[in-house]
Protein backbone atom coordinates (compact mmCIF):
# COMPACT_ATOMS: atom_id res chain seq x y z
CA UNK A 1 21.00 41.27 -7.13
CA UNK A 2 21.15 44.81 -5.83
CA UNK A 3 24.53 46.49 -5.54
CA UNK A 4 26.29 49.72 -4.54
CA UNK A 5 28.91 49.75 -7.32
CA UNK A 6 27.74 53.05 -8.86
CA UNK A 7 27.59 54.74 -5.46
CA UNK A 8 31.09 53.59 -4.50
CA UNK A 9 32.50 54.51 -7.92
CA UNK A 10 31.05 58.03 -7.88
CA UNK A 11 32.29 58.61 -4.31
CA UNK A 12 35.79 58.14 -5.72
CA UNK A 13 35.01 60.25 -8.80
CA UNK A 14 35.94 57.42 -11.16
CA UNK A 15 34.35 57.05 -14.57
CA UNK A 16 32.97 53.69 -15.62
CA UNK A 17 35.96 53.38 -17.96
CA UNK A 18 38.42 54.02 -15.11
CA UNK A 19 36.78 51.40 -12.91
CA UNK A 20 36.70 48.94 -15.80
CA UNK A 21 40.42 49.43 -16.38
CA UNK A 22 41.21 48.87 -12.70
CA UNK A 23 39.22 45.62 -12.78
CA UNK A 24 40.34 44.39 -16.20
CA UNK A 25 36.84 44.36 -17.71
CA UNK A 26 34.99 46.44 -20.30
CA UNK A 27 33.11 49.65 -19.56
CA UNK A 28 29.99 47.86 -20.79
CA UNK A 29 30.44 45.25 -18.06
CA UNK A 30 30.58 47.98 -15.41
CA UNK A 31 27.46 49.60 -16.87
CA UNK A 32 25.61 46.27 -16.83
CA UNK A 33 26.62 45.59 -13.21
CA UNK A 34 25.61 49.10 -12.11
CA UNK A 35 22.22 48.89 -13.81
CA UNK A 36 21.73 45.41 -12.32
CA UNK A 37 21.36 43.80 -15.75
CA UNK A 38 24.33 41.53 -15.03
CA UNK A 39 25.45 39.81 -11.84
CA UNK A 40 29.25 39.65 -11.80
CA UNK A 41 31.06 36.35 -11.51
CA UNK A 42 32.31 35.48 -8.06
CA UNK A 43 35.95 36.29 -8.96
CA UNK A 44 34.89 39.70 -10.33
CA UNK A 45 32.72 40.38 -7.27
CA UNK A 46 35.72 39.68 -5.03
CA UNK A 47 37.92 41.99 -7.14
CA UNK A 48 35.32 44.76 -6.79
CA UNK A 49 35.11 44.22 -3.01
CA UNK A 50 38.91 44.32 -2.66
CA UNK A 51 39.20 47.45 -4.81
CA UNK A 52 36.63 49.30 -2.69
CA UNK A 53 37.97 47.75 0.55
CA UNK A 54 34.49 46.55 1.49
CA UNK A 55 33.10 43.11 2.38
CA UNK A 56 31.06 41.52 -0.41
CA UNK A 57 27.82 41.77 1.55
CA UNK A 58 28.18 45.57 1.83
CA UNK A 59 28.34 45.87 -1.96
CA UNK A 60 26.09 43.07 -3.21
CA UNK A 61 22.73 42.31 -1.62
CA UNK A 62 20.47 39.51 -2.86
CA UNK A 63 16.97 40.61 -3.77
CA UNK A 64 14.42 39.74 -1.11
């Protein structure tokens, strides 16, 4: 699944560690999501969408 997490995080000038803390996950989890090595659980995806005030489909896009 493609995502815009890195783009949204850098727009806010947050480190991976800062984003991880806001979401209650590890920095490694954020890195894995950003590099598309890990698809977040649905609850985590919703937390990310709420934090960035974006609908899920603007952050996460299924691969064609």
